[in-house]
Amino acid sequence: LVLGTAATFIRLETDQVTFDILLPVLYLIPLMVISIVYGKKV
């Protein structure tokens, strides 16, 4: 979590990527939550 945050911040600051391109990932949060919760139960 911490390392990914640092790496993403640097990529955004150095224009390696834009937030618009990353935005679709945020829409996947509900699906990720369900998948991880169910994965832990298994």
PDB file of all heavy atoms in Angstrom:
ATOM      1  N   LEU A   1       0.836  -1.204   0.000  1.00  0.00           N
ATOM      2  CA  LEU A   1       0.000   0.000   0.000  1.00  0.00           C
ATOM      3  C   LEU A   1       0.871   1.255   0.000  1.00  0.00           C
ATOM      4  O   LEU A   1       0.669   2.176  -0.804  1.00  0.00           O
ATOM      5  CB  LEU A   1      -0.926   0.000   1.216  1.00  0.00           C
ATOM      6  CG  LEU A   1      -1.698   1.304   1.482  1.00  0.00           C
ATOM      7  CD1 LEU A   1      -2.602   1.633   0.300  1.00  0.00           C
ATOM      8  CD2 LEU A   1      -2.509   1.185   2.770  1.00  0.00           C
ATOM      9  N   VAL A   2       1.855   1.286   0.895  1.00  0.00           N
ATOM     10  CA  VAL A   2       2.723   2.462   0.999  1.00  0.00           C
ATOM     11  C   VAL A   2       3.603   2.595  -0.235  1.00  0.00           C
ATOM     12  O   VAL A   2       3.745   3.685  -0.806  1.00  0.00           O
ATOM     13  CB  VAL A   2       3.602   2.377   2.265  1.00  0.00           C
ATOM     14  CG1 VAL A   2       4.517   3.595   2.354  1.00  0.00           C
ATOM     15  CG2 VAL A   2       2.729   2.279   3.510  1.00  0.00           C
ATOM     16  N   LEU A   3       4.199   1.495  -0.678  1.00  0.00           N
ATOM     17  CA  LEU A   3       5.094   1.535  -1.833  1.00  0.00           C
ATOM     18  C   LEU A   3       4.341   1.875  -3.115  1.00  0.00           C
ATOM     19  O   LEU A   3       4.833   2.645  -3.949  1.00  0.00           O
ATOM     20  CB  LEU A   3       5.804   0.188  -1.993  1.00  0.00           C
ATOM     21  CG  LEU A   3       6.651  -0.264  -0.805  1.00  0.00           C
ATOM     22  CD1 LEU A   3       7.279  -1.618  -1.091  1.00  0.00           C
ATOM     23  CD2 LEU A   3       7.733   0.757  -0.503  1.00  0.00           C
ATOM     24  N   GLY A   4       3.147   1.325  -3.264  1.00  0.00           N
ATOM     25  CA  GLY A   4       2.332   1.622  -4.443  1.00  0.00           C
ATOM     26  C   GLY A   4       1.905   3.076  -4.482  1.00  0.00           C
ATOM     27  O   GLY A   4       1.850   3.692  -5.554  1.00  0.00           O
ATOM     28  N   THR A   5       1.615   3.636  -3.306  1.00  0.00           N
ATOM     29  CA  THR A   5       1.249   5.051  -3.229  1.00  0.00           C
ATOM     30  C   THR A   5       2.408   5.935  -3.666  1.00  0.00           C
ATOM     31  O   THR A   5       2.236   6.884  -4.441  1.00  0.00           O
ATOM     32  CB  THR A   5       0.824   5.423  -1.796  1.00  0.00           C
ATOM     33  OG1 THR A   5      -0.292   4.611  -1.405  1.00  0.00           O
ATOM     34  CG2 THR A   5       0.425   6.888  -1.710  1.00  0.00           C
ATOM     35  N   ALA A   6       3.616   5.619  -3.184  1.00  0.00           N
ATOM     36  CA  ALA A   6       4.801   6.399  -3.556  1.00  0.00           C
ATOM     37  C   ALA A   6       5.075   6.293  -5.053  1.00  0.00           C
ATOM     38  O   ALA A   6       5.341   7.302  -5.723  1.00  0.00           O
ATOM     39  CB  ALA A   6       6.010   5.918  -2.762  1.00  0.00           C
ATOM     40  N   ALA A   7       5.004   5.075  -5.592  1.00  0.00           N
ATOM     41  CA  ALA A   7       5.283   4.862  -7.011  1.00  0.00           C
ATOM     42  C   ALA A   7       4.246   5.553  -7.892  1.00  0.00           C
ATOM     43  O   ALA A   7       4.582   6.151  -8.924  1.00  0.00           O
ATOM     44  CB  ALA A   7       5.319   3.364  -7.314  1.00  0.00           C
ATOM     45  N   THR A   8       2.961   5.498  -7.491  1.00  0.00           N
ATOM     46  CA  THR A   8       1.904   6.148  -8.266  1.00  0.00           C
ATOM     47  C   THR A   8       2.052   7.667  -8.237  1.00  0.00           C
ATOM     48  O   THR A   8       1.891   8.345  -9.266  1.00  0.00           O
ATOM     49  CB  THR A   8       0.521   5.754  -7.713  1.00  0.00           C
ATOM     50  OG1 THR A   8       0.354   4.331  -7.831  1.00  0.00           O
ATOM     51  CG2 THR A   8      -0.593   6.449  -8.488  1.00  0.00           C
ATOM     52  N   PHE A   9       2.372   8.213  -7.075  1.00  0.00           N
ATOM     53  CA  PHE A   9       2.555   9.662  -6.943  1.00  0.00           C
ATOM     54  C   PHE A   9       3.674  10.146  -7.868  1.00  0.00           C
ATOM     55  O   PHE A   9       3.522  11.172  -8.561  1.00  0.00           O
ATOM     56  CB  PHE A   9       2.885  10.018  -5.494  1.00  0.00           C
ATOM     57  CG  PHE A   9       3.140  11.481  -5.269  1.00  0.00           C
ATOM     58  CD1 PHE A   9       2.085  12.384  -5.193  1.00  0.00           C
ATOM     59  CD2 PHE A   9       4.440  11.957  -5.148  1.00  0.00           C
ATOM     60  CE1 PHE A   9       2.317  13.734  -4.996  1.00  0.00           C
ATOM     61  CE2 PHE A   9       4.690  13.306  -4.949  1.00  0.00           C
ATOM     62  CZ  PHE A   9       3.618  14.202  -4.876  1.00  0.00           C
ATOM     63  N   ILE A  10       4.770   9.415  -7.897  1.00  0.00           N
ATOM     64  CA  ILE A  10       5.894   9.803  -8.750  1.00  0.00           C
ATOM     65  C   ILE A  10       5.502   9.732 -10.222  1.00  0.00           C
ATOM     66  O   ILE A  10       5.852  10.613 -11.026  1.00  0.00           O
ATOM     67  CB  ILE A  10       7.120   8.923  -8.466  1.00  0.00           C
ATOM     68  CG1 ILE A  10       7.664   9.229  -7.064  1.00  0.00           C
ATOM     69  CG2 ILE A  10       8.207   9.133  -9.520  1.00  0.00           C
ATOM     70  CD1 ILE A  10       8.753   8.291  -6.620  1.00  0.00           C
ATOM     71  N   ARG A  11       4.772   8.695 -10.612  1.00  0.00           N
ATOM     72  CA  ARG A  11       4.343   8.561 -12.002  1.00  0.00           C
ATOM     73  C   ARG A  11       3.427   9.707 -12.418  1.00  0.00           C
ATOM     74  O   ARG A  11       3.494  10.191 -13.551  1.00  0.00           O
ATOM     75  CB  ARG A  11       3.645   7.215 -12.206  1.00  0.00           C
ATOM     76  CG  ARG A  11       4.604   6.051 -12.354  1.00  0.00           C
ATOM     77  CD  ARG A  11       3.857   4.731 -12.441  1.00  0.00           C
ATOM     78  NE  ARG A  11       4.717   3.672 -12.948  1.00  0.00           N
ATOM     79  CZ  ARG A  11       5.630   3.036 -12.238  1.00  0.00           C
ATOM     80  NH1 ARG A  11       5.798   3.351 -10.961  1.00  0.00           N
ATOM     81  NH2 ARG A  11       6.381   2.094 -12.773  1.00  0.00           N
ATOM     82  N   LEU A  12       2.563  10.129 -11.513  1.00  0.00           N
ATOM     83  CA  LEU A  12       1.668  11.255 -11.806  1.00  0.00           C
ATOM     84  C   LEU A  12       2.454  12.564 -11.874  1.00  0.00           C
ATOM     85  O   LEU A  12       2.211  13.403 -12.752  1.00  0.00           O
ATOM     86  CB  LEU A  12       0.570  11.351 -10.741  1.00  0.00           C
ATOM     87  CG  LEU A  12      -0.487  10.242 -10.760  1.00  0.00           C
ATOM     88  CD1 LEU A  12      -1.357  10.330  -9.513  1.00  0.00           C
ATOM     89  CD2 LEU A  12      -1.364  10.355 -12.018  1.00  0.00           C
ATOM     90  N   GLU A  13       3.395  12.736 -10.964  1.00  0.00           N
ATOM     91  CA  GLU A  13       4.180  13.975 -10.916  1.00  0.00           C
ATOM     92  C   GLU A  13       5.118  14.110 -12.122  1.00  0.00           C
ATOM     93  O   GLU A  13       5.400  15.226 -12.566  1.00  0.00           O
ATOM     94  CB  GLU A  13       5.007  14.026  -9.622  1.00  0.00           C
ATOM     95  CG  GLU A  13       4.195  14.371  -8.384  1.00  0.00           C
ATOM     96  CD  GLU A  13       3.651  15.783  -8.448  1.00  0.00           C
ATOM     97  OE1 GLU A  13       4.448  16.725  -8.596  1.00  0.00           O
ATOM     98  OE2 GLU A  13       2.415  15.956  -8.364  1.00  0.00           O
ATOM     99  N   THR A  14       5.603  12.990 -12.642  1.00  0.00           N
ATOM    100  CA  THR A  14       6.531  13.029 -13.772  1.00  0.00           C
ATOM    101  C   THR A  14       5.822  12.808 -15.108  1.00  0.00           C
ATOM    102  O   THR A  14       6.474  12.579 -16.136  1.00  0.00           O
ATOM    103  CB  THR A  14       7.626  11.955 -13.598  1.00  0.00           C
ATOM    104  OG1 THR A  14       7.005  10.664 -13.412  1.00  0.00           O
ATOM    105  CG2 THR A  14       8.499  12.271 -12.386  1.00  0.00           C
ATOM    106  N   ASP A  15       4.478  12.856 -15.079  1.00  0.00           N
ATOM    107  CA  ASP A  15       3.653  12.740 -16.295  1.00  0.00           C
ATOM    108  C   ASP A  15       3.846  11.421 -17.036  1.00  0.00           C
ATOM    109  O   ASP A  15       3.692  11.360 -18.263  1.00  0.00           O
ATOM    110  CB  ASP A  15       3.947  13.908 -17.254  1.00  0.00           C
ATOM    111  CG  ASP A  15       3.566  15.258 -16.659  1.00  0.00           C
ATOM    112  OD1 ASP A  15       2.540  15.311 -15.962  1.00  0.00           O
ATOM    113  OD2 ASP A  15       4.306  16.239 -16.876  1.00  0.00           O
ATOM    114  N   GLN A  16       4.204  10.374 -16.295  1.00  0.00           N
ATOM    115  CA  GLN A  16       4.268   9.057 -16.912  1.00  0.00           C
ATOM    116  C   GLN A  16       2.870   8.524 -17.170  1.00  0.00           C
ATOM    117  O   GLN A  16       2.669   7.658 -18.022  1.00  0.00           O
ATOM    118  CB  GLN A  16       5.035   8.091 -16.003  1.00  0.00           C
ATOM    119  CG  GLN A  16       6.493   8.462 -15.795  1.00  0.00           C
ATOM    120  CD  GLN A  16       7.211   7.463 -14.899  1.00  0.00           C
ATOM    121  OE1 GLN A  16       7.006   6.256 -15.028  1.00  0.00           O
ATOM    122  NE2 GLN A  16       8.041   7.943 -13.990  1.00  0.00           N
ATOM    123  N   VAL A  17       1.892   9.047 -16.427  1.00  0.00           N
ATOM    124  CA  VAL A  17       0.498   8.648 -16.576  1.00  0.00           C
ATOM    125  C   VAL A  17      -0.364   9.780 -16.041  1.00  0.00           C
ATOM    126  O   VAL A  17       0.114  10.628 -15.276  1.00  0.00           O
ATOM    127  CB  VAL A  17       0.221   7.328 -15.796  1.00  0.00           C
ATOM    128  CG1 VAL A  17       0.288   7.562 -14.291  1.00  0.00           C
ATOM    129  CG2 VAL A  17      -1.105   6.713 -16.197  1.00  0.00           C
ATOM    130  N   THR A  18      -1.634   9.813 -16.463  1.00  0.00           N
ATOM    131  CA  THR A  18      -2.572  10.823 -15.964  1.00  0.00           C
ATOM    132  C   THR A  18      -3.642  10.153 -15.123  1.00  0.00           C
ATOM    133  O   THR A  18      -3.912   8.947 -15.287  1.00  0.00           O
ATOM    134  CB  THR A  18      -3.243  11.590 -17.117  1.00  0.00           C
ATOM    135  OG1 THR A  18      -4.026  10.672 -17.900  1.00  0.00           O
ATOM    136  CG2 THR A  18      -2.196  12.256 -18.004  1.00  0.00           C
ATOM    137  N   PHE A  19      -4.258  10.937 -14.244  1.00  0.00           N
ATOM    138  CA  PHE A  19      -5.266  10.357 -13.350  1.00  0.00           C
ATOM    139  C   PHE A  19      -6.482   9.859 -14.132  1.00  0.00           C
ATOM    140  O   PHE A  19      -7.144   8.911 -13.711  1.00  0.00           O
ATOM    141  CB  PHE A  19      -5.706  11.387 -12.306  1.00  0.00           C
ATOM    142  CG  PHE A  19      -6.618  10.815 -11.257  1.00  0.00           C
ATOM    143  CD1 PHE A  19      -6.129   9.977 -10.276  1.00  0.00           C
ATOM    144  CD2 PHE A  19      -7.982  11.094 -11.283  1.00  0.00           C
ATOM    145  CE1 PHE A  19      -6.976   9.426  -9.322  1.00  0.00           C
ATOM    146  CE2 PHE A  19      -8.831  10.556 -10.336  1.00  0.00           C
ATOM    147  CZ  PHE A  19      -8.323   9.726  -9.345  1.00  0.00           C
ATOM    148  N   ASP A  20      -6.782  10.492 -15.257  1.00  0.00           N
ATOM    149  CA  ASP A  20      -7.922  10.057 -16.075  1.00  0.00           C
ATOM    150  C   ASP A  20      -7.765   8.606 -16.520  1.00  0.00           C
ATOM    151  O   ASP A  20      -8.747   7.860 -16.608  1.00  0.00           O
ATOM    152  CB  ASP A  20      -8.074  10.960 -17.301  1.00  0.00           C
ATOM    153  CG  ASP A  20      -8.558  12.357 -16.934  1.00  0.00           C
ATOM    154  OD1 ASP A  20      -9.106  12.509 -15.821  1.00  0.00           O
ATOM    155  OD2 ASP A  20      -8.388  13.278 -17.751  1.00  0.00           O
ATOM    156  N   ILE A  21      -6.525   8.228 -16.812  1.00  0.00           N
ATOM    157  CA  ILE A  21      -6.272   6.849 -17.240  1.00  0.00           C
ATOM    158  C   ILE A  21      -6.419   5.868 -16.072  1.00  0.00           C
ATOM    159  O   ILE A  21      -6.860   4.730 -16.249  1.00  0.00           O
ATOM    160  CB  ILE A  21      -4.856   6.749 -17.850  1.00  0.00           C
ATOM    161  CG1 ILE A  21      -4.796   7.566 -19.147  1.00  0.00           C
ATOM    162  CG2 ILE A  21      -4.468   5.295 -18.117  1.00  0.00           C
ATOM    163  CD1 ILE A  21      -3.420   7.615 -19.778  1.00  0.00           C
ATOM    164  N   LEU A  22      -6.085   6.335 -14.869  1.00  0.00           N
ATOM    165  CA  LEU A  22      -6.170   5.472 -13.691  1.00  0.00           C
ATOM    166  C   LEU A  22      -7.583   5.374 -13.119  1.00  0.00           C
ATOM    167  O   LEU A  22      -7.888   4.447 -12.372  1.00  0.00           O
ATOM    168  CB  LEU A  22      -5.224   5.996 -12.598  1.00  0.00           C
ATOM    169  CG  LEU A  22      -3.742   6.093 -12.950  1.00  0.00           C
ATOM    170  CD1 LEU A  22      -2.973   6.661 -11.759  1.00  0.00           C
ATOM    171  CD2 LEU A  22      -3.177   4.736 -13.355  1.00  0.00           C
ATOM    172  N   LEU A  23      -8.424   6.336 -13.482  1.00  0.00           N
ATOM    173  CA  LEU A  23      -9.762   6.441 -12.887  1.00  0.00           C
ATOM    174  C   LEU A  23     -10.597   5.166 -12.963  1.00  0.00           C
ATOM    175  O   LEU A  23     -11.276   4.825 -11.985  1.00  0.00           O
ATOM    176  CB  LEU A  23     -10.515   7.609 -13.537  1.00  0.00           C
ATOM    177  CG  LEU A  23     -11.866   7.983 -12.911  1.00  0.00           C
ATOM    178  CD1 LEU A  23     -11.679   8.392 -11.455  1.00  0.00           C
ATOM    179  CD2 LEU A  23     -12.531   9.111 -13.706  1.00  0.00           C
ATOM    180  N   PRO A  24     -10.588   4.421 -14.089  1.00  0.00           N
ATOM    181  CA  PRO A  24     -11.414   3.201 -14.146  1.00  0.00           C
ATOM    182  C   PRO A  24     -11.131   2.207 -13.029  1.00  0.00           C
ATOM    183  O   PRO A  24     -12.021   1.439 -12.642  1.00  0.00           O
ATOM    184  CB  PRO A  24     -11.060   2.613 -15.521  1.00  0.00           C
ATOM    185  CG  PRO A  24     -10.662   3.781 -16.343  1.00  0.00           C
ATOM    186  CD  PRO A  24      -9.946   4.693 -15.392  1.00  0.00           C
ATOM    187  N   VAL A  25      -9.903   2.213 -12.502  1.00  0.00           N
ATOM    188  CA  VAL A  25      -9.560   1.286 -11.422  1.00  0.00           C
ATOM    189  C   VAL A  25     -10.404   1.568 -10.186  1.00  0.00           C
ATOM    190  O   VAL A  25     -10.796   0.638  -9.458  1.00  0.00           O
ATOM    191  CB  VAL A  25      -8.059   1.382 -11.079  1.00  0.00           C
ATOM    192  CG1 VAL A  25      -7.721   0.505  -9.866  1.00  0.00           C
ATOM    193  CG2 VAL A  25      -7.206   0.968 -12.267  1.00  0.00           C
ATOM    194  N   LEU A  26     -10.712   2.834  -9.933  1.00  0.00           N
ATOM    195  CA  LEU A  26     -11.519   3.197  -8.767  1.00  0.00           C
ATOM    196  C   LEU A  26     -12.924   2.610  -8.858  1.00  0.00           C
ATOM    197  O   LEU A  26     -13.541   2.298  -7.833  1.00  0.00           O
ATOM    198  CB  LEU A  26     -11.595   4.720  -8.617  1.00  0.00           C
ATOM    199  CG  LEU A  26     -10.265   5.446  -8.352  1.00  0.00           C
ATOM    200  CD1 LEU A  26     -10.493   6.940  -8.227  1.00  0.00           C
ATOM    201  CD2 LEU A  26      -9.601   4.902  -7.091  1.00  0.00           C
ATOM    202  N   TYR A  27     -13.424   2.481 -10.078  1.00  0.00           N
ATOM    203  CA  TYR A  27     -14.759   1.894 -10.259  1.00  0.00           C
ATOM    204  C   TYR A  27     -14.779   0.411  -9.905  1.00  0.00           C
ATOM    205  O   TYR A  27     -15.858  -0.174  -9.712  1.00  0.00           O
ATOM    206  CB  TYR A  27     -15.229   2.070 -11.707  1.00  0.00           C
ATOM    207  CG  TYR A  27     -15.317   3.514 -12.156  1.00  0.00           C
ATOM    208  CD1 TYR A  27     -15.006   3.891 -13.464  1.00  0.00           C
ATOM    209  CD2 TYR A  27     -15.724   4.516 -11.270  1.00  0.00           C
ATOM    210  CE1 TYR A  27     -15.092   5.218 -13.874  1.00  0.00           C
ATOM    211  CE2 TYR A  27     -15.810   5.840 -11.669  1.00  0.00           C
ATOM    212  CZ  TYR A  27     -15.488   6.183 -12.971  1.00  0.00           C
ATOM    213  OH  TYR A  27     -15.580   7.497 -13.375  1.00  0.00           O
ATOM    214  N   LEU A  28     -13.591  -0.200  -9.840  1.00  0.00           N
ATOM    215  CA  LEU A  28     -13.503  -1.636  -9.538  1.00  0.00           C
ATOM    216  C   LEU A  28     -13.464  -1.922  -8.039  1.00  0.00           C
ATOM    217  O   LEU A  28     -13.470  -3.085  -7.638  1.00  0.00           O
ATOM    218  CB  LEU A  28     -12.244  -2.224 -10.184  1.00  0.00           C
ATOM    219  CG  LEU A  28     -12.146  -2.188 -11.708  1.00  0.00           C
ATOM    220  CD1 LEU A  28     -10.791  -2.716 -12.157  1.00  0.00           C
ATOM    221  CD2 LEU A  28     -13.264  -2.994 -12.350  1.00  0.00           C
ATOM    222  N   ILE A  29     -13.429  -0.870  -7.213  1.00  0.00           N
ATOM    223  CA  ILE A  29     -13.290  -1.066  -5.765  1.00  0.00           C
ATOM    224  C   ILE A  29     -14.360  -1.983  -5.186  1.00  0.00           C
ATOM    225  O   ILE A  29     -14.039  -2.919  -4.428  1.00  0.00           O
ATOM    226  CB  ILE A  29     -13.253   0.287  -5.027  1.00  0.00           C
ATOM    227  CG1 ILE A  29     -11.929   1.004  -5.334  1.00  0.00           C
ATOM    228  CG2 ILE A  29     -13.416   0.101  -3.521  1.00  0.00           C
ATOM    229  CD1 ILE A  29     -11.802   2.374  -4.699  1.00  0.00           C
ATOM    230  N   PRO A  30     -15.670  -1.777  -5.500  1.00  0.00           N
ATOM    231  CA  PRO A  30     -16.685  -2.713  -4.944  1.00  0.00           C
ATOM    232  C   PRO A  30     -16.415  -4.160  -5.337  1.00  0.00           C
ATOM    233  O   PRO A  30     -16.566  -5.070  -4.516  1.00  0.00           O
ATOM    234  CB  PRO A  30     -17.997  -2.199  -5.556  1.00  0.00           C
ATOM    235  CG  PRO A  30     -17.738  -0.756  -5.846  1.00  0.00           C
ATOM    236  CD  PRO A  30     -16.302  -0.697  -6.278  1.00  0.00           C
ATOM    237  N   LEU A  31     -16.003  -4.374  -6.599  1.00  0.00           N
ATOM    238  CA  LEU A  31     -15.716  -5.731  -7.066  1.00  0.00           C
ATOM    239  C   LEU A  31     -14.501  -6.305  -6.344  1.00  0.00           C
ATOM    240  O   LEU A  31     -14.478  -7.488  -5.979  1.00  0.00           O
ATOM    241  CB  LEU A  31     -15.474  -5.705  -8.578  1.00  0.00           C
ATOM    242  CG  LEU A  31     -15.344  -7.059  -9.299  1.00  0.00           C
ATOM    243  CD1 LEU A  31     -16.577  -7.919  -9.034  1.00  0.00           C
ATOM    244  CD2 LEU A  31     -15.156  -6.832 -10.796  1.00  0.00           C
ATOM    245  N   MET A  32     -13.483  -5.468  -6.101  1.00  0.00           N
ATOM    246  CA  MET A  32     -12.297  -5.920  -5.377  1.00  0.00           C
ATOM    247  C   MET A  32     -12.637  -6.282  -3.938  1.00  0.00           C
ATOM    248  O   MET A  32     -12.149  -7.288  -3.408  1.00  0.00           O
ATOM    249  CB  MET A  32     -11.211  -4.840  -5.416  1.00  0.00           C
ATOM    250  CG  MET A  32     -10.467  -4.737  -6.733  1.00  0.00           C
ATOM    251  SD  MET A  32      -8.997  -3.675  -6.602  1.00  0.00           S
ATOM    252  CE  MET A  32      -9.705  -2.073  -6.927  1.00  0.00           C
ATOM    253  N   VAL A  33     -13.456  -5.463  -3.285  1.00  0.00           N
ATOM    254  CA  VAL A  33     -13.838  -5.726  -1.898  1.00  0.00           C
ATOM    255  C   VAL A  33     -14.550  -7.073  -1.790  1.00  0.00           C
ATOM    256  O   VAL A  33     -14.217  -7.910  -0.933  1.00  0.00           O
ATOM    257  CB  VAL A  33     -14.745  -4.604  -1.349  1.00  0.00           C
ATOM    258  CG1 VAL A  33     -15.321  -5.003   0.014  1.00  0.00           C
ATOM    259  CG2 VAL A  33     -13.973  -3.296  -1.238  1.00  0.00           C
ATOM    260  N   ILE A  34     -15.521  -7.298  -2.665  1.00  0.00           N
ATOM    261  CA  ILE A  34     -16.272  -8.560  -2.649  1.00  0.00           C
ATOM    262  C   ILE A  34     -15.337  -9.739  -2.905  1.00  0.00           C
ATOM    263  O   ILE A  34     -15.408 -10.767  -2.219  1.00  0.00           O
ATOM    264  CB  ILE A  34     -17.405  -8.527  -3.709  1.00  0.00           C
ATOM    265  CG1 ILE A  34     -18.449  -7.481  -3.339  1.00  0.00           C
ATOM    266  CG2 ILE A  34     -18.062  -9.902  -3.827  1.00  0.00           C
ATOM    267  CD1 ILE A  34     -19.490  -7.243  -4.408  1.00  0.00           C
ATOM    268  N   SER A  35     -14.451  -9.596  -3.888  1.00  0.00           N
ATOM    269  CA  SER A  35     -13.544 -10.679  -4.253  1.00  0.00           C
ATOM    270  C   SER A  35     -12.584 -11.025  -3.115  1.00  0.00           C
ATOM    271  O   SER A  35     -12.347 -12.202  -2.817  1.00  0.00           O
ATOM    272  CB  SER A  35     -12.735 -10.292  -5.500  1.00  0.00           C
ATOM    273  OG  SER A  35     -13.582 -10.081  -6.612  1.00  0.00           O
ATOM    274  N   ILE A  36     -12.044  -9.996  -2.447  1.00  0.00           N
ATOM    275  CA  ILE A  36     -11.078 -10.241  -1.368  1.00  0.00           C
ATOM    276  C   ILE A  36     -11.765 -10.807  -0.131  1.00  0.00           C
ATOM    277  O   ILE A  36     -11.242 -11.721   0.516  1.00  0.00           O
ATOM    278  CB  ILE A  36     -10.324  -8.941  -1.028  1.00  0.00           C
ATOM    279  CG1 ILE A  36      -9.462  -8.512  -2.225  1.00  0.00           C
ATOM    280  CG2 ILE A  36      -9.434  -9.138   0.206  1.00  0.00           C
ATOM    281  CD1 ILE A  36      -8.839  -7.145  -2.063  1.00  0.00           C
ATOM    282  N   VAL A  37     -12.938 -10.273   0.208  1.00  0.00           N
ATOM    283  CA  VAL A  37     -13.675 -10.786   1.370  1.00  0.00           C
ATOM    284  C   VAL A  37     -14.030 -12.259   1.164  1.00  0.00           C
ATOM    285  O   VAL A  37     -13.836 -13.090   2.060  1.00  0.00           O
ATOM    286  CB  VAL A  37     -14.955  -9.960   1.613  1.00  0.00           C
ATOM    287  CG1 VAL A  37     -15.862 -10.656   2.628  1.00  0.00           C
ATOM    288  CG2 VAL A  37     -14.605  -8.568   2.114  1.00  0.00           C
ATOM    289  N   TYR A  38     -14.534 -12.584  -0.013  1.00  0.00           N
ATOM    290  CA  TYR A  38     -14.897 -13.969  -0.295  1.00  0.00           C
ATOM    291  C   TYR A  38     -13.641 -14.849  -0.340  1.00  0.00           C
ATOM    292  O   TYR A  38     -13.644 -15.987   0.137  1.00  0.00           O
ATOM    293  CB  TYR A  38     -15.639 -14.066  -1.630  1.00  0.00           C
ATOM    294  CG  TYR A  38     -16.127 -15.460  -1.955  1.00  0.00           C
ATOM    295  CD1 TYR A  38     -17.094 -16.089  -1.163  1.00  0.00           C
ATOM    296  CD2 TYR A  38     -15.610 -16.159  -3.037  1.00  0.00           C
ATOM    297  CE1 TYR A  38     -17.535 -17.368  -1.450  1.00  0.00           C
ATOM    298  CE2 TYR A  38     -16.039 -17.442  -3.336  1.00  0.00           C
ATOM    299  CZ  TYR A  38     -16.999 -18.033  -2.534  1.00  0.00           C
ATOM    300  OH  TYR A  38     -17.419 -19.309  -2.824  1.00  0.00           O
ATOM    301  N   GLY A  39     -12.545 -14.297  -0.898  1.00  0.00           N
ATOM    302  CA  GLY A  39     -11.295 -15.045  -0.941  1.00  0.00           C
ATOM    303  C   GLY A  39     -10.792 -15.377   0.446  1.00  0.00           C
ATOM    304  O   GLY A  39     -10.302 -16.483   0.691  1.00  0.00           O
ATOM    305  N   LYS A  40     -10.905 -14.430   1.377  1.00  0.00           N
ATOM    306  CA  LYS A  40     -10.454 -14.687   2.750  1.00  0.00           C
ATOM    307  C   LYS A  40     -11.318 -15.755   3.412  1.00  0.00           C
ATOM    308  O   LYS A  40     -10.800 -16.610   4.141  1.00  0.00           O
ATOM    309  CB  LYS A  40     -10.500 -13.405   3.576  1.00  0.00           C
ATOM    310  CG  LYS A  40      -9.983 -13.626   4.999  1.00  0.00           C
ATOM    311  CD  LYS A  40     -10.010 -12.374   5.844  1.00  0.00           C
ATOM    312  CE  LYS A  40      -9.466 -12.656   7.247  1.00  0.00           C
ATOM    313  NZ  LYS A  40      -9.503 -11.468   8.124  1.00  0.00           N
ATOM    314  N   LYS A  41     -12.629 -15.724   3.148  1.00  0.00           N
ATOM    315  CA  LYS A  41     -13.510 -16.737   3.735  1.00  0.00           C
ATOM    316  C   LYS A  41     -13.120 -18.134   3.267  1.00  0.00           C
ATOM    317  O   LYS A  41     -13.147 -19.098   4.041  1.00  0.00           O
ATOM    318  CB  LYS A  41     -14.965 -16.442   3.363  1.00  0.00           C
ATOM    319  CG  LYS A  41     -15.555 -15.236   4.081  1.00  0.00           C
ATOM    320  CD  LYS A  41     -17.025 -15.056   3.738  1.00  0.00           C
ATOM    321  CE  LYS A  41     -17.619 -13.882   4.517  1.00  0.00           C
ATOM    322  NZ  LYS A  41     -19.059 -13.683   4.219  1.00  0.00           N
ATOM    323  N   VAL A  42     -12.769 -18.241   2.006  1.00  0.00           N
ATOM    324  CA  VAL A  42     -12.314 -19.536   1.479  1.00  0.00           C
ATOM    325  C   VAL A  42     -10.974 -19.913   2.105  1.00  0.00           C
ATOM    326  O   VAL A  42     -10.748 -21.062   2.488  1.00  0.00           O
ATOM    327  CB  VAL A  42     -12.196 -19.478  -0.054  1.00  0.00           C
ATOM    328  CG1 VAL A  42     -11.559 -20.768  -0.591  1.00  0.00           C
ATOM    329  CG2 VAL A  42     -13.556 -19.254  -0.696  1.00  0.00           C
TER     330      VAL A  42
END
